[in-house]
Amino acid sequence: MNTIQKKLPIILSKEEIEKLISVAKNVNHRLIIQIGYSSGLRISEIINLQWQDIDFNRNLIHLKRAKGKKDRIVMLSLKVKENLMDLTSDKQGHVFLTNRNGKYTQRTIQKIIENAAMKAGIRKKITPHTLRHTFATHLLENGTDLKYIRDLLGHSDISTTLIYTKVFNKDICKIKSPIDD
């Protein structure tokens, strides 16, 4: 019998997210972490994010031709909006550019997050996708309907989004261990 192993995603606590953001001293690096977590973006969406995709008036990001060549709309955090507005760029083309005015690579973003985790003392093996998993789990813990989370993540099938019901701990934390009786 062939069994498929299903691993649960690694999720960061709110405190770990705050630490991760605070140790990133480079403004672009900090914003990459913030936008990955606050909007649930995939690494490719962070790399390809364009200024014209951000609606600062409505606090939305319009992701065009994301995974599966689908468009989707996600929220723009007010904190991230403020930090984006502070960037000194001319607000044209890609949002995140390296010192040499090129797009970031997937590997560079992975290293940014790995280095921030190390500096923050986070021992979990985290990746850019961990920010996306954490975004979805925190939304679920805050009572956001699974259908909205599915749409925000761009999942075509709700069963893909259901994984987060296995890691969210709102009710599990309320259960008392028998050893504590």
N, C-alpha and C. Protein backbone atom coordinates (compact mmCIF):
# COMPACT_ATOMS: atom_id res chain seq x y z
N MET A 1 0.85 -1.19 0.00
CA MET A 1 0.00 0.00 0.00
C MET A 1 0.89 1.24 0.00
N ASN A 2 0.66 2.12 -0.93
CA ASN A 2 1.46 3.32 -1.08
C ASN A 2 0.85 4.46 -0.25
N THR A 3 1.57 4.91 0.78
CA THR A 3 1.05 6.00 1.61
C THR A 3 1.82 7.28 1.32
N ILE A 4 1.08 8.33 1.19
CA ILE A 4 1.68 9.63 0.94
C ILE A 4 1.82 10.34 2.28
N GLN A 5 3.04 10.77 2.57
CA GLN A 5 3.28 11.47 3.82
C GLN A 5 2.83 12.92 3.67
N LYS A 6 1.99 13.36 4.59
CA LYS A 6 1.52 14.75 4.57
C LYS A 6 2.10 15.46 5.78
N LYS A 7 3.04 16.35 5.53
CA LYS A 7 3.65 17.11 6.62
C LYS A 7 2.88 18.41 6.82
N LEU A 8 2.69 18.76 8.07
CA LEU A 8 2.03 20.01 8.37
C LEU A 8 3.03 21.15 8.16
N PRO A 9 2.55 22.30 7.71
CA PRO A 9 3.46 23.42 7.50
C PRO A 9 3.99 23.97 8.83
N ILE A 10 5.16 24.56 8.80
CA ILE A 10 5.73 25.22 9.97
C ILE A 10 5.08 26.60 10.06
N ILE A 11 4.64 26.94 11.26
CA ILE A 11 3.96 28.21 11.50
C ILE A 11 4.74 28.99 12.55
N LEU A 12 4.87 30.27 12.34
CA LEU A 12 5.54 31.14 13.31
C LEU A 12 4.50 31.80 14.20
N SER A 13 4.89 32.11 15.43
CA SER A 13 4.00 32.86 16.32
C SER A 13 4.07 34.33 15.94
N LYS A 14 3.14 35.11 16.45
CA LYS A 14 3.16 36.56 16.18
C LYS A 14 4.48 37.17 16.69
N GLU A 15 4.94 36.69 17.84
CA GLU A 15 6.19 37.19 18.42
C GLU A 15 7.38 36.86 17.51
N GLU A 16 7.38 35.66 16.94
CA GLU A 16 8.48 35.28 16.04
C GLU A 16 8.45 36.14 14.78
N ILE A 17 7.25 36.43 14.27
CA ILE A 17 7.13 37.30 13.09
C ILE A 17 7.69 38.68 13.42
N GLU A 18 7.31 39.22 14.57
CA GLU A 18 7.80 40.54 14.98
C GLU A 18 9.32 40.56 15.09
N LYS A 19 9.89 39.50 15.68
CA LYS A 19 11.35 39.39 15.80
C LYS A 19 12.01 39.35 14.42
N LEU A 20 11.44 38.53 13.55
CA LEU A 20 11.97 38.36 12.19
C LEU A 20 12.02 39.71 11.48
N ILE A 21 10.97 40.49 11.61
CA ILE A 21 10.90 41.80 10.96
C ILE A 21 11.89 42.77 11.62
N SER A 22 11.95 42.76 12.94
CA SER A 22 12.78 43.75 13.64
C SER A 22 14.28 43.54 13.43
N VAL A 23 14.72 42.31 13.20
CA VAL A 23 16.17 42.07 13.00
C VAL A 23 16.63 42.39 11.58
N ALA A 24 15.69 42.52 10.66
CA ALA A 24 16.05 42.84 9.26
C ALA A 24 16.31 44.34 9.18
N LYS A 25 17.57 44.72 9.14
CA LYS A 25 17.93 46.14 9.16
C LYS A 25 17.83 46.79 7.79
N ASN A 26 18.04 46.03 6.73
CA ASN A 26 17.90 46.56 5.37
C ASN A 26 16.41 46.79 5.10
N VAL A 27 16.07 47.99 4.66
CA VAL A 27 14.66 48.37 4.46
C VAL A 27 13.96 47.42 3.49
N ASN A 28 14.60 47.12 2.36
CA ASN A 28 14.00 46.20 1.38
C ASN A 28 13.77 44.83 2.00
N HIS A 29 14.76 44.33 2.73
CA HIS A 29 14.65 43.00 3.34
C HIS A 29 13.49 42.96 4.33
N ARG A 30 13.40 44.02 5.14
CA ARG A 30 12.31 44.09 6.13
C ARG A 30 10.96 44.11 5.42
N LEU A 31 10.86 44.90 4.35
CA LEU A 31 9.60 44.98 3.60
C LEU A 31 9.25 43.67 2.91
N ILE A 32 10.24 42.95 2.42
CA ILE A 32 10.00 41.65 1.79
C ILE A 32 9.37 40.70 2.80
N ILE A 33 9.92 40.69 4.02
CA ILE A 33 9.37 39.83 5.08
C ILE A 33 7.96 40.31 5.45
N GLN A 34 7.79 41.62 5.60
CA GLN A 34 6.49 42.16 5.98
C GLN A 34 5.40 41.85 4.95
N ILE A 35 5.72 42.06 3.70
CA ILE A 35 4.68 41.88 2.66
C ILE A 35 4.40 40.39 2.43
N GLY A 36 5.42 39.55 2.58
CA GLY A 36 5.22 38.10 2.47
C GLY A 36 4.25 37.60 3.53
N TYR A 37 4.42 38.12 4.75
CA TYR A 37 3.55 37.71 5.85
C TYR A 37 2.19 38.43 5.81
N SER A 38 2.19 39.74 5.61
CA SER A 38 0.95 40.51 5.75
C SER A 38 -0.03 40.32 4.61
N SER A 39 0.46 39.86 3.45
CA SER A 39 -0.43 39.66 2.30
C SER A 39 -0.44 38.22 1.81
N GLY A 40 0.38 37.36 2.40
CA GLY A 40 0.40 35.95 2.01
C GLY A 40 0.95 35.72 0.61
N LEU A 41 1.93 36.53 0.20
CA LEU A 41 2.45 36.41 -1.16
C LEU A 41 3.41 35.25 -1.32
N ARG A 42 3.39 34.66 -2.50
CA ARG A 42 4.37 33.64 -2.88
C ARG A 42 5.68 34.37 -3.21
N ILE A 43 6.78 33.65 -3.16
CA ILE A 43 8.09 34.23 -3.45
C ILE A 43 8.12 34.85 -4.85
N SER A 44 7.53 34.19 -5.84
CA SER A 44 7.53 34.73 -7.21
C SER A 44 6.70 36.01 -7.28
N GLU A 45 5.66 36.11 -6.46
CA GLU A 45 4.82 37.31 -6.44
C GLU A 45 5.56 38.49 -5.82
N ILE A 46 6.39 38.21 -4.82
CA ILE A 46 7.21 39.26 -4.21
C ILE A 46 8.22 39.76 -5.25
N ILE A 47 8.89 38.84 -5.91
CA ILE A 47 9.91 39.19 -6.90
C ILE A 47 9.32 40.02 -8.03
N ASN A 48 8.13 39.66 -8.50
CA ASN A 48 7.54 40.31 -9.68
C ASN A 48 6.57 41.45 -9.36
N LEU A 49 6.43 41.79 -8.07
CA LEU A 49 5.51 42.84 -7.68
C LEU A 49 5.91 44.18 -8.31
N GLN A 50 4.93 44.82 -8.96
CA GLN A 50 5.15 46.10 -9.62
C GLN A 50 4.42 47.20 -8.85
N TRP A 51 4.97 48.41 -8.91
CA TRP A 51 4.33 49.54 -8.23
C TRP A 51 2.89 49.74 -8.71
N GLN A 52 2.66 49.58 -10.01
CA GLN A 52 1.31 49.83 -10.53
C GLN A 52 0.30 48.76 -10.07
N ASP A 53 0.78 47.67 -9.46
CA ASP A 53 -0.11 46.63 -8.92
C ASP A 53 -0.64 46.99 -7.53
N ILE A 54 -0.09 48.05 -6.95
CA ILE A 54 -0.47 48.44 -5.59
C ILE A 54 -1.45 49.61 -5.65
N ASP A 55 -2.62 49.39 -5.06
CA ASP A 55 -3.64 50.44 -5.00
C ASP A 55 -3.56 51.05 -3.59
N PHE A 56 -2.81 52.13 -3.47
CA PHE A 56 -2.61 52.76 -2.17
C PHE A 56 -3.88 53.40 -1.64
N ASN A 57 -4.79 53.80 -2.51
CA ASN A 57 -6.04 54.42 -2.07
C ASN A 57 -6.99 53.41 -1.44
N ARG A 58 -7.02 52.21 -2.00
CA ARG A 58 -7.95 51.18 -1.50
C ARG A 58 -7.26 50.14 -0.62
N ASN A 59 -5.93 50.28 -0.43
CA ASN A 59 -5.14 49.34 0.38
C ASN A 59 -5.25 47.90 -0.14
N LEU A 60 -5.02 47.78 -1.44
CA LEU A 60 -5.09 46.47 -2.10
C LEU A 60 -3.87 46.26 -2.99
N ILE A 61 -3.56 44.99 -3.21
CA ILE A 61 -2.53 44.61 -4.17
C ILE A 61 -3.21 43.72 -5.20
N HIS A 62 -3.07 44.07 -6.47
CA HIS A 62 -3.65 43.28 -7.55
C HIS A 62 -2.52 42.44 -8.16
N LEU A 63 -2.53 41.15 -7.84
CA LEU A 63 -1.52 40.24 -8.37
C LEU A 63 -1.99 39.75 -9.73
N LYS A 64 -1.20 40.04 -10.73
CA LYS A 64 -1.60 39.70 -12.10
C LYS A 64 -0.86 38.46 -12.57
N ARG A 65 -1.63 37.55 -13.15
CA ARG A 65 -1.07 36.32 -13.72
C ARG A 65 -0.16 35.61 -12.73
N ALA A 66 -0.69 35.43 -11.53
CA ALA A 66 0.05 34.70 -10.49
C ALA A 66 0.03 33.21 -10.84
N LYS A 67 0.27 32.35 -9.87
CA LYS A 67 0.32 30.92 -10.13
C LYS A 67 -0.96 30.47 -10.84
N GLY A 68 -0.81 29.64 -11.84
CA GLY A 68 -1.97 29.19 -12.61
C GLY A 68 -2.49 30.27 -13.54
N LYS A 69 -1.69 31.29 -13.77
CA LYS A 69 -2.03 32.43 -14.65
C LYS A 69 -3.32 33.13 -14.21
N LYS A 70 -3.57 33.09 -12.88
CA LYS A 70 -4.79 33.71 -12.34
C LYS A 70 -4.44 35.04 -11.67
N ASP A 71 -5.35 36.00 -11.82
CA ASP A 71 -5.24 37.25 -11.09
C ASP A 71 -5.89 37.07 -9.72
N ARG A 72 -5.41 37.81 -8.74
CA ARG A 72 -6.11 37.84 -7.46
C ARG A 72 -5.80 39.15 -6.74
N ILE A 73 -6.66 39.47 -5.82
CA ILE A 73 -6.53 40.71 -5.05
C ILE A 73 -6.28 40.32 -3.59
N VAL A 74 -5.27 40.96 -2.99
CA VAL A 74 -4.99 40.74 -1.57
C VAL A 74 -4.93 42.10 -0.87
N MET A 75 -5.00 42.05 0.45
CA MET A 75 -4.98 43.30 1.20
C MET A 75 -3.57 43.86 1.31
N LEU A 76 -3.49 45.17 1.42
CA LEU A 76 -2.22 45.86 1.69
C LEU A 76 -2.31 46.38 3.12
N SER A 77 -1.47 45.85 3.96
CA SER A 77 -1.43 46.26 5.36
C SER A 77 -1.10 47.74 5.46
N LEU A 78 -1.72 48.43 6.41
CA LEU A 78 -1.46 49.86 6.60
C LEU A 78 -0.01 50.10 7.01
N LYS A 79 0.54 49.18 7.82
CA LYS A 79 1.94 49.28 8.23
C LYS A 79 2.86 49.16 7.02
N VAL A 80 2.59 48.18 6.17
CA VAL A 80 3.40 47.95 4.98
C VAL A 80 3.23 49.12 4.02
N LYS A 81 2.01 49.61 3.88
CA LYS A 81 1.74 50.76 3.01
C LYS A 81 2.61 51.95 3.41
N GLU A 82 2.63 52.22 4.70
CA GLU A 82 3.43 53.33 5.23
C GLU A 82 4.91 53.13 4.90
N ASN A 83 5.41 51.92 5.10
CA ASN A 83 6.82 51.63 4.82
C ASN A 83 7.13 51.70 3.33
N LEU A 84 6.19 51.25 2.49
CA LEU A 84 6.38 51.34 1.04
C LEU A 84 6.43 52.81 0.60
N MET A 85 5.58 53.63 1.20
CA MET A 85 5.54 55.06 0.84
C MET A 85 6.87 55.75 1.19
N ASP A 86 7.55 55.23 2.21
CA ASP A 86 8.82 55.81 2.64
C ASP A 86 9.99 55.47 1.71
N LEU A 87 9.80 54.46 0.84
CA LEU A 87 10.88 54.11 -0.08
C LEU A 87 11.16 55.30 -1.00
N THR A 88 12.42 55.53 -1.27
CA THR A 88 12.79 56.73 -2.04
C THR A 88 12.77 56.51 -3.55
N SER A 89 12.30 55.39 -3.98
CA SER A 89 12.30 55.11 -5.43
C SER A 89 11.27 55.97 -6.16
N ASP A 90 11.34 55.94 -7.47
CA ASP A 90 10.40 56.73 -8.28
C ASP A 90 9.04 56.03 -8.46
N LYS A 91 8.85 54.91 -7.77
CA LYS A 91 7.58 54.17 -7.79
C LYS A 91 7.18 53.70 -9.19
N GLN A 92 8.19 53.28 -9.95
CA GLN A 92 7.97 52.72 -11.29
C GLN A 92 8.60 51.33 -11.35
N GLY A 93 8.02 50.45 -12.14
CA GLY A 93 8.60 49.11 -12.33
C GLY A 93 8.46 48.24 -11.10
N HIS A 94 9.48 47.40 -10.86
CA HIS A 94 9.44 46.46 -9.74
C HIS A 94 9.61 47.18 -8.41
N VAL A 95 8.88 46.71 -7.40
CA VAL A 95 8.94 47.31 -6.07
C VAL A 95 10.29 47.00 -5.43
N PHE A 96 10.71 45.74 -5.53
CA PHE A 96 11.94 45.32 -4.84
C PHE A 96 13.06 45.14 -5.85
N LEU A 97 14.05 46.03 -5.73
CA LEU A 97 15.22 45.96 -6.61
C LEU A 97 16.48 45.86 -5.76
N THR A 98 17.46 45.12 -6.26
CA THR A 98 18.73 44.98 -5.57
C THR A 98 19.52 46.28 -5.70
N ASN A 99 20.67 46.33 -5.05
CA ASN A 99 21.55 47.51 -5.14
C ASN A 99 21.97 47.79 -6.58
N ARG A 100 21.96 46.76 -7.40
CA ARG A 100 22.36 46.91 -8.81
C ARG A 100 21.15 47.12 -9.72
N ASN A 101 20.01 47.45 -9.12
CA ASN A 101 18.76 47.70 -9.84
C ASN A 101 18.22 46.50 -10.61
N GLY A 102 18.53 45.30 -10.15
CA GLY A 102 17.97 44.09 -10.74
C GLY A 102 16.91 43.50 -9.83
N LYS A 103 16.14 42.57 -10.37
CA LYS A 103 15.14 41.88 -9.55
C LYS A 103 15.87 40.94 -8.58
N TYR A 104 15.28 40.75 -7.43
CA TYR A 104 15.79 39.76 -6.49
C TYR A 104 15.59 38.37 -7.08
N THR A 105 16.44 37.44 -6.70
CA THR A 105 16.26 36.04 -7.11
C THR A 105 15.56 35.30 -5.97
N GLN A 106 15.01 34.14 -6.30
CA GLN A 106 14.38 33.32 -5.26
C GLN A 106 15.40 32.97 -4.18
N ARG A 107 16.60 32.62 -4.59
CA ARG A 107 17.64 32.23 -3.63
C ARG A 107 17.99 33.38 -2.69
N THR A 108 18.05 34.59 -3.23
CA THR A 108 18.38 35.75 -2.39
C THR A 108 17.29 35.97 -1.34
N ILE A 109 16.05 35.87 -1.74
CA ILE A 109 14.95 36.05 -0.77
C ILE A 109 14.97 34.93 0.27
N GLN A 110 15.28 33.71 -0.16
CA GLN A 110 15.40 32.60 0.80
C GLN A 110 16.49 32.92 1.82
N LYS A 111 17.62 33.43 1.35
CA LYS A 111 18.75 33.77 2.24
C LYS A 111 18.38 34.92 3.19
N ILE A 112 17.65 35.90 2.69
CA ILE A 112 17.21 37.03 3.53
C ILE A 112 16.41 36.49 4.71
N ILE A 113 15.50 35.57 4.43
CA ILE A 113 14.63 35.03 5.49
C ILE A 113 15.41 34.09 6.41
N GLU A 114 16.29 33.26 5.84
CA GLU A 114 17.13 32.38 6.67
C GLU A 114 18.01 33.20 7.61
N ASN A 115 18.64 34.25 7.08
CA ASN A 115 19.52 35.09 7.90
C ASN A 115 18.74 35.81 8.99
N ALA A 116 17.56 36.32 8.65
CA ALA A 116 16.74 37.00 9.65
C ALA A 116 16.32 36.02 10.75
N ALA A 117 15.97 34.81 10.37
CA ALA A 117 15.58 33.79 11.36
C ALA A 117 16.74 33.48 12.29
N MET A 118 17.93 33.38 11.73
CA MET A 118 19.12 33.09 12.54
C MET A 118 19.37 34.24 13.53
N LYS A 119 19.32 35.48 13.02
CA LYS A 119 19.52 36.66 13.88
C LYS A 119 18.47 36.75 14.96
N ALA A 120 17.24 36.36 14.63
CA ALA A 120 16.12 36.43 15.58
C ALA A 120 16.13 35.26 16.57
N GLY A 121 17.02 34.31 16.35
CA GLY A 121 17.10 33.15 17.24
C GLY A 121 15.97 32.16 17.04
N ILE A 122 15.40 32.15 15.84
CA ILE A 122 14.31 31.22 15.53
C ILE A 122 14.95 29.93 15.01
N ARG A 123 14.71 28.85 15.70
CA ARG A 123 15.36 27.57 15.38
C ARG A 123 14.60 26.75 14.35
N LYS A 124 13.38 27.15 14.04
CA LYS A 124 12.57 26.42 13.05
C LYS A 124 13.19 26.63 11.67
N LYS A 125 13.04 25.64 10.80
CA LYS A 125 13.52 25.78 9.42
C LYS A 125 12.45 26.52 8.64
N ILE A 126 12.70 27.82 8.43
CA ILE A 126 11.68 28.61 7.76
C ILE A 126 12.14 29.05 6.37
N THR A 127 11.14 29.22 5.53
CA THR A 127 11.35 29.60 4.13
C THR A 127 10.41 30.77 3.82
N PRO A 128 10.52 31.36 2.65
CA PRO A 128 9.54 32.40 2.29
C PRO A 128 8.10 31.89 2.37
N HIS A 129 7.90 30.61 2.04
CA HIS A 129 6.55 30.04 2.06
C HIS A 129 6.01 29.92 3.49
N THR A 130 6.92 29.85 4.48
CA THR A 130 6.51 29.82 5.88
C THR A 130 5.71 31.07 6.22
N LEU A 131 6.10 32.20 5.64
CA LEU A 131 5.37 33.46 5.89
C LEU A 131 3.94 33.35 5.38
N ARG A 132 3.78 32.72 4.23
CA ARG A 132 2.45 32.52 3.62
C ARG A 132 1.61 31.58 4.49
N HIS A 133 2.22 30.48 4.96
CA HIS A 133 1.51 29.55 5.84
C HIS A 133 1.09 30.26 7.14
N THR A 134 1.99 31.08 7.66
CA THR A 134 1.72 31.78 8.91
C THR A 134 0.60 32.80 8.71
N PHE A 135 0.61 33.50 7.59
CA PHE A 135 -0.45 34.45 7.23
C PHE A 135 -1.81 33.75 7.29
N ALA A 136 -1.92 32.63 6.60
CA ALA A 136 -3.20 31.90 6.52
C ALA A 136 -3.63 31.39 7.89
N THR A 137 -2.70 30.86 8.65
CA THR A 137 -3.03 30.31 9.97
C THR A 137 -3.46 31.42 10.93
N HIS A 138 -2.76 32.54 10.91
CA HIS A 138 -3.14 33.65 11.78
C HIS A 138 -4.51 34.22 11.40
N LEU A 139 -4.82 34.28 10.11
CA LEU A 139 -6.16 34.72 9.69
C LEU A 139 -7.22 33.78 10.24
N LEU A 140 -6.97 32.48 10.13
CA LEU A 140 -7.91 31.47 10.61
C LEU A 140 -8.08 31.60 12.13
N GLU A 141 -6.97 31.77 12.84
CA GLU A 141 -7.04 31.94 14.30
C GLU A 141 -7.81 33.20 14.70
N ASN A 142 -7.79 34.20 13.83
CA ASN A 142 -8.52 35.45 14.10
C ASN A 142 -9.98 35.37 13.66
N GLY A 143 -10.41 34.21 13.16
CA GLY A 143 -11.81 34.01 12.82
C GLY A 143 -12.18 34.30 11.38
N THR A 144 -11.19 34.50 10.50
CA THR A 144 -11.49 34.75 9.09
C THR A 144 -12.03 33.47 8.46
N ASP A 145 -13.10 33.60 7.70
CA ASP A 145 -13.73 32.47 7.03
C ASP A 145 -12.76 31.81 6.05
N LEU A 146 -12.76 30.49 6.04
CA LEU A 146 -11.87 29.70 5.18
C LEU A 146 -12.02 30.06 3.70
N LYS A 147 -13.23 30.42 3.27
CA LYS A 147 -13.45 30.78 1.86
C LYS A 147 -12.64 32.03 1.49
N TYR A 148 -12.59 33.00 2.42
CA TYR A 148 -11.82 34.22 2.15
C TYR A 148 -10.33 33.92 2.12
N ILE A 149 -9.90 33.05 3.03
CA ILE A 149 -8.49 32.67 3.07
C ILE A 149 -8.11 31.98 1.76
N ARG A 150 -8.99 31.09 1.29
CA ARG A 150 -8.75 30.40 0.01
C ARG A 150 -8.56 31.44 -1.11
N ASP A 151 -9.44 32.42 -1.16
CA ASP A 151 -9.36 33.45 -2.21
C ASP A 151 -8.10 34.29 -2.07
N LEU A 152 -7.75 34.67 -0.84
CA LEU A 152 -6.55 35.47 -0.62
C LEU A 152 -5.28 34.72 -1.03
N LEU A 153 -5.29 33.40 -0.80
CA LEU A 153 -4.12 32.59 -1.16
C LEU A 153 -4.12 32.21 -2.64
N GLY A 154 -5.27 32.34 -3.30
CA GLY A 154 -5.36 31.98 -4.71
C GLY A 154 -5.49 30.49 -4.94
N HIS A 155 -6.02 29.76 -3.95
CA HIS A 155 -6.23 28.32 -4.12
C HIS A 155 -7.51 28.09 -4.93
N SER A 156 -7.44 27.22 -5.93
CA SER A 156 -8.66 26.94 -6.69
C SER A 156 -9.53 25.93 -5.94
N ASP A 157 -8.91 25.10 -5.13
CA ASP A 157 -9.64 24.04 -4.42
C ASP A 157 -9.55 24.29 -2.92
N ILE A 158 -10.69 24.31 -2.25
CA ILE A 158 -10.73 24.56 -0.80
C ILE A 158 -9.95 23.51 -0.02
N SER A 159 -9.82 22.30 -0.58
CA SER A 159 -9.09 21.24 0.14
C SER A 159 -7.63 21.62 0.37
N THR A 160 -7.07 22.43 -0.53
CA THR A 160 -5.69 22.90 -0.35
C THR A 160 -5.62 23.82 0.87
N THR A 161 -6.63 24.61 1.08
CA THR A 161 -6.67 25.57 2.18
C THR A 161 -6.97 24.87 3.51
N LEU A 162 -7.63 23.73 3.45
CA LEU A 162 -8.03 23.01 4.67
C LEU A 162 -6.85 22.59 5.53
N ILE A 163 -5.64 22.51 4.98
CA ILE A 163 -4.46 22.14 5.76
C ILE A 163 -4.30 23.05 6.97
N TYR A 164 -4.72 24.31 6.83
CA TYR A 164 -4.55 25.27 7.92
C TYR A 164 -5.45 24.98 9.12
N THR A 165 -6.52 24.22 8.89
CA THR A 165 -7.37 23.85 10.02
C THR A 165 -6.65 22.84 10.91
N LYS A 166 -5.63 22.19 10.38
CA LYS A 166 -4.86 21.20 11.16
C LYS A 166 -3.80 21.87 12.04
N VAL A 167 -3.37 23.08 11.67
CA VAL A 167 -2.31 23.73 12.43
C VAL A 167 -2.79 24.90 13.28
N PHE A 168 -4.00 25.36 13.05
CA PHE A 168 -4.45 26.50 13.85
C PHE A 168 -4.88 26.00 15.21
N ASN A 169 -4.53 26.76 16.23
CA ASN A 169 -4.60 26.22 17.59
C ASN A 169 -5.58 26.91 18.52
N LYS A 170 -6.51 27.65 18.00
CA LYS A 170 -7.44 28.40 18.86
C LYS A 170 -8.09 27.50 19.93
N ASP A 171 -8.63 26.37 19.52
CA ASP A 171 -9.31 25.50 20.47
C ASP A 171 -8.36 24.52 21.17
N ILE A 172 -7.32 24.11 20.48
CA ILE A 172 -6.36 23.17 21.09
C ILE A 172 -5.73 23.78 22.33
N CYS A 173 -5.45 25.08 22.29
CA CYS A 173 -4.84 25.75 23.43
C CYS A 173 -5.75 25.78 24.65
N LYS A 174 -7.04 25.67 24.43
CA LYS A 174 -8.00 25.70 25.54
C LYS A 174 -8.13 24.34 26.22
N ILE A 175 -7.69 23.28 25.54
CA ILE A 175 -7.80 21.93 26.11
C ILE A 175 -6.68 21.75 27.13
N LYS A 176 -7.05 21.27 28.29
CA LYS A 176 -6.09 21.07 29.36
C LYS A 176 -5.52 19.65 29.28
N SER A 177 -4.22 19.53 29.35
CA SER A 177 -3.58 18.21 29.35
C SER A 177 -3.95 17.46 30.63
N PRO A 178 -4.14 16.14 30.53
CA PRO A 178 -4.50 15.37 31.74
C PRO A 178 -3.43 15.46 32.83
N ILE A 179 -2.18 15.70 32.45
CA ILE A 179 -1.10 15.77 33.45
C ILE A 179 -1.24 17.03 34.33
N ASP A 180 -1.96 18.04 33.79
CA ASP A 180 -2.13 19.30 34.51
C ASP A 180 -3.33 19.29 35.45
N ASP A 181 -4.06 18.17 35.49
CA ASP A 181 -5.23 18.10 36.40
C ASP A 181 -4.81 17.99 37.83
